[in-house]
Amino acid sequence: MAYDEGLAERVRDMLNGKAELAEKKMFGGLCFMVSGHMCCGILGDTLMARVGPEQYKACLRKPYASEMDFTGRPMKGLLYVRAEGVAEDVDLSVWLDRCLDFVHSLPDKQR
């Protein structure tokens, strides 16, 4: 499945300079790695947001958010945000900040 290149560019722009950023193609889409940890991604026109287990239930109550069930079972700490939920830059920024907050709480990756 292809990913929305326009959304990818917006994510790149917002994450640029905030952390050690890398991109990997996975899940049939694009994944953004921050300091070696999966932070967020894009599948089609949907944002995959890694918010962690502490914020998971609260984030699921947000408009346009749903369980990430890529494997057929919900993946706790990861969710989908439909295109409508990230159409505006301010909304995308809020979701990316949630992802960054979680990733920055993780221990450093051993290289």
C-alpha atoms as a PDB file:
ATOM      1  CA  MET A   1       0.000   0.000   0.000  1.00  0.00           C
ATOM      2  CA  ALA A   2       1.320   3.420  -0.892  1.00  0.00           C
ATOM      3  CA  TYR A   3       1.445   6.263   1.594  1.00  0.00           C
ATOM      4  CA  ASP A   4       0.373   9.880   1.254  1.00  0.00           C
ATOM      5  CA  GLU A   5       3.541  11.728   0.242  1.00  0.00           C
ATOM      6  CA  GLY A   6       2.012  15.087   1.145  1.00  0.00           C
ATOM      7  CA  LEU A   7       1.370  13.908   4.699  1.00  0.00           C
ATOM      8  CA  ALA A   8       4.872  12.436   4.822  1.00  0.00           C
ATOM      9  CA  GLU A   9       6.357  15.803   3.862  1.00  0.00           C
ATOM     10  CA  ARG A  10       4.332  17.573   6.551  1.00  0.00           C
ATOM     11  CA  VAL A  11       5.532  15.068   9.166  1.00  0.00           C
ATOM     12  CA  ARG A  12       9.149  15.495   7.996  1.00  0.00           C
ATOM     13  CA  ASP A  13       8.866  19.256   8.271  1.00  0.00           C
ATOM     14  CA  MET A  14       7.401  19.103  11.775  1.00  0.00           C
ATOM     15  CA  LEU A  15       9.879  16.538  13.107  1.00  0.00           C
ATOM     16  CA  ASN A  16      12.919  18.088  11.433  1.00  0.00           C
ATOM     17  CA  GLY A  17      15.450  19.227  14.017  1.00  0.00           C
ATOM     18  CA  LYS A  18      13.480  17.905  16.994  1.00  0.00           C
ATOM     19  CA  ALA A  19      15.410  14.667  17.320  1.00  0.00           C
ATOM     20  CA  GLU A  20      17.580  12.156  15.533  1.00  0.00           C
ATOM     21  CA  LEU A  21      15.191  11.321  12.695  1.00  0.00           C
ATOM     22  CA  ALA A  22      15.239   8.399  10.273  1.00  0.00           C
ATOM     23  CA  GLU A  23      12.677   6.959   7.884  1.00  0.00           C
ATOM     24  CA  LYS A  24      11.986   3.316   7.131  1.00  0.00           C
ATOM     25  CA  LYS A  25       9.512   1.761   4.792  1.00  0.00           C
ATOM     26  CA  MET A  26       7.522  -0.787   6.768  1.00  0.00           C
ATOM     27  CA  PHE A  27       3.968  -2.018   7.212  1.00  0.00           C
ATOM     28  CA  GLY A  28       3.508  -1.182   3.529  1.00  0.00           C
ATOM     29  CA  GLY A  29       3.881   2.478   4.451  1.00  0.00           C
ATOM     30  CA  LEU A  30       6.451   4.812   5.924  1.00  0.00           C
ATOM     31  CA  CYS A  31       7.708   4.801   9.501  1.00  0.00           C
ATOM     32  CA  PHE A  32       9.489   7.674  11.243  1.00  0.00           C
ATOM     33  CA  MET A  33      12.111   6.633  13.765  1.00  0.00           C
ATOM     34  CA  VAL A  34      13.263   9.073  16.441  1.00  0.00           C
ATOM     35  CA  SER A  35      16.493   8.258  18.265  1.00  0.00           C
ATOM     36  CA  GLY A  36      16.141   4.664  17.068  1.00  0.00           C
ATOM     37  CA  HIS A  37      12.563   4.216  18.315  1.00  0.00           C
ATOM     38  CA  MET A  38       9.456   3.961  16.140  1.00  0.00           C
ATOM     39  CA  CYS A  39       7.618   7.250  16.674  1.00  0.00           C
ATOM     40  CA  CYS A  40       4.888   7.433  14.043  1.00  0.00           C
ATOM     41  CA  GLY A  41       4.144   6.427  10.498  1.00  0.00           C
ATOM     42  CA  ILE A  42       1.869   6.766   7.540  1.00  0.00           C
ATOM     43  CA  LEU A  43      -0.242   4.051   5.980  1.00  0.00           C
ATOM     44  CA  GLY A  44      -2.231   5.336   3.031  1.00  0.00           C
ATOM     45  CA  ASP A  45      -3.545   8.690   4.222  1.00  0.00           C
ATOM     46  CA  THR A  46      -3.704   7.571   7.860  1.00  0.00           C
ATOM     47  CA  LEU A  47      -1.264   8.540  10.594  1.00  0.00           C
ATOM     48  CA  MET A  48       0.031   5.697  12.769  1.00  0.00           C
ATOM     49  CA  ALA A  49       0.670   7.269  16.166  1.00  0.00           C
ATOM     50  CA  ARG A  50       2.749   5.635  18.893  1.00  0.00           C
ATOM     51  CA  VAL A  51       1.385   7.233  22.038  1.00  0.00           C
ATOM     52  CA  GLY A  52       2.319   4.509  24.532  1.00  0.00           C
ATOM     53  CA  PRO A  53       0.199   2.541  26.979  1.00  0.00           C
ATOM     54  CA  GLU A  54      -0.368   5.401  29.438  1.00  0.00           C
ATOM     55  CA  GLN A  55      -2.080   7.693  26.896  1.00  0.00           C
ATOM     56  CA  TYR A  56      -3.620   4.947  24.785  1.00  0.00           C
ATOM     57  CA  LYS A  57      -7.189   4.892  26.143  1.00  0.00           C
ATOM     58  CA  ALA A  58      -7.470   8.674  26.385  1.00  0.00           C
ATOM     59  CA  CYS A  59      -6.179   9.082  22.831  1.00  0.00           C
ATOM     60  CA  LEU A  60      -8.682   6.537  21.519  1.00  0.00           C
ATOM     61  CA  ARG A  61     -11.449   8.901  22.647  1.00  0.00           C
ATOM     62  CA  LYS A  62     -10.076  11.683  20.432  1.00  0.00           C
ATOM     63  CA  PRO A  63     -11.898  12.408  17.165  1.00  0.00           C
ATOM     64  CA  TYR A  64     -10.759  10.296  14.197  1.00  0.00           C
ATOM     65  CA  ALA A  65      -8.605   7.961  16.349  1.00  0.00           C
ATOM     66  CA  SER A  66      -9.046   4.186  16.337  1.00  0.00           C
ATOM     67  CA  GLU A  67      -7.221   1.047  17.406  1.00  0.00           C
ATOM     68  CA  MET A  68      -4.291   0.070  15.251  1.00  0.00           C
ATOM     69  CA  ASP A  69      -5.277  -3.464  14.334  1.00  0.00           C
ATOM     70  CA  PHE A  70      -2.833  -4.016  11.508  1.00  0.00           C
ATOM     71  CA  THR A  71      -2.223  -7.617  12.599  1.00  0.00           C
ATOM     72  CA  GLY A  72      -5.919  -8.317  13.211  1.00  0.00           C
ATOM     73  CA  ARG A  73      -5.531  -7.571  16.930  1.00  0.00           C
ATOM     74  CA  PRO A  74      -5.238  -4.145  18.548  1.00  0.00           C
ATOM     75  CA  MET A  75      -1.665  -3.064  19.176  1.00  0.00           C
ATOM     76  CA  LYS A  76      -1.665  -1.332  22.577  1.00  0.00           C
ATOM     77  CA  GLY A  77       0.074   2.009  22.545  1.00  0.00           C
ATOM     78  CA  LEU A  78      -0.350   2.426  18.779  1.00  0.00           C
ATOM     79  CA  LEU A  79      -3.356   3.858  17.040  1.00  0.00           C
ATOM     80  CA  TYR A  80      -4.587   5.150  13.727  1.00  0.00           C
ATOM     81  CA  VAL A  81      -5.626   8.745  13.140  1.00  0.00           C
ATOM     82  CA  ARG A  82      -7.720   9.122   9.998  1.00  0.00           C
ATOM     83  CA  ALA A  83      -6.842  11.819   7.474  1.00  0.00           C
ATOM     84  CA  GLU A  84      -9.560  14.137   8.789  1.00  0.00           C
ATOM     85  CA  GLY A  85      -7.820  14.163  12.181  1.00  0.00           C
ATOM     86  CA  VAL A  86      -4.526  15.463  10.770  1.00  0.00           C
ATOM     87  CA  ALA A  87      -5.782  17.618   7.897  1.00  0.00           C
ATOM     88  CA  GLU A  88      -4.821  20.825   9.699  1.00  0.00           C
ATOM     89  CA  ASP A  89      -1.220  21.456  10.720  1.00  0.00           C
ATOM     90  CA  VAL A  90      -2.211  22.270  14.288  1.00  0.00           C
ATOM     91  CA  ASP A  91      -3.919  18.872  14.649  1.00  0.00           C
ATOM     92  CA  LEU A  92      -0.990  16.993  13.129  1.00  0.00           C
ATOM     93  CA  SER A  93       1.381  18.857  15.438  1.00  0.00           C
ATOM     94  CA  VAL A  94      -0.614  17.834  18.527  1.00  0.00           C
ATOM     95  CA  TRP A  95      -0.472  14.168  17.495  1.00  0.00           C
ATOM     96  CA  LEU A  96       3.246  14.334  16.723  1.00  0.00           C
ATOM     97  CA  ASP A  97       3.906  15.951  20.099  1.00  0.00           C
ATOM     98  CA  ARG A  98       2.107  13.058  21.800  1.00  0.00           C
ATOM     99  CA  CYS A  99       4.280  10.601  19.876  1.00  0.00           C
ATOM    100  CA  LEU A 100       7.477  12.498  20.686  1.00  0.00           C
ATOM    101  CA  ASP A 101       6.565  12.715  24.371  1.00  0.00           C
ATOM    102  CA  PHE A 102       6.240   8.937  24.508  1.00  0.00           C
ATOM    103  CA  VAL A 103       9.386   8.202  22.511  1.00  0.00           C
ATOM    104  CA  HIS A 104      11.443  10.608  24.614  1.00  0.00           C
ATOM    105  CA  SER A 105      10.300   8.732  27.732  1.00  0.00           C
ATOM    106  CA  LEU A 106      11.918   5.514  26.460  1.00  0.00           C
ATOM    107  CA  PRO A 107      15.454   4.473  27.390  1.00  0.00           C
ATOM    108  CA  ASP A 108      18.191   5.155  24.870  1.00  0.00           C
ATOM    109  CA  LYS A 109      18.691   2.476  22.248  1.00  0.00           C
ATOM    110  CA  GLN A 110      21.994   0.637  22.403  1.00  0.00           C
ATOM    111  CA  ARG A 111      23.903   1.124  19.164  1.00  0.00           C
END
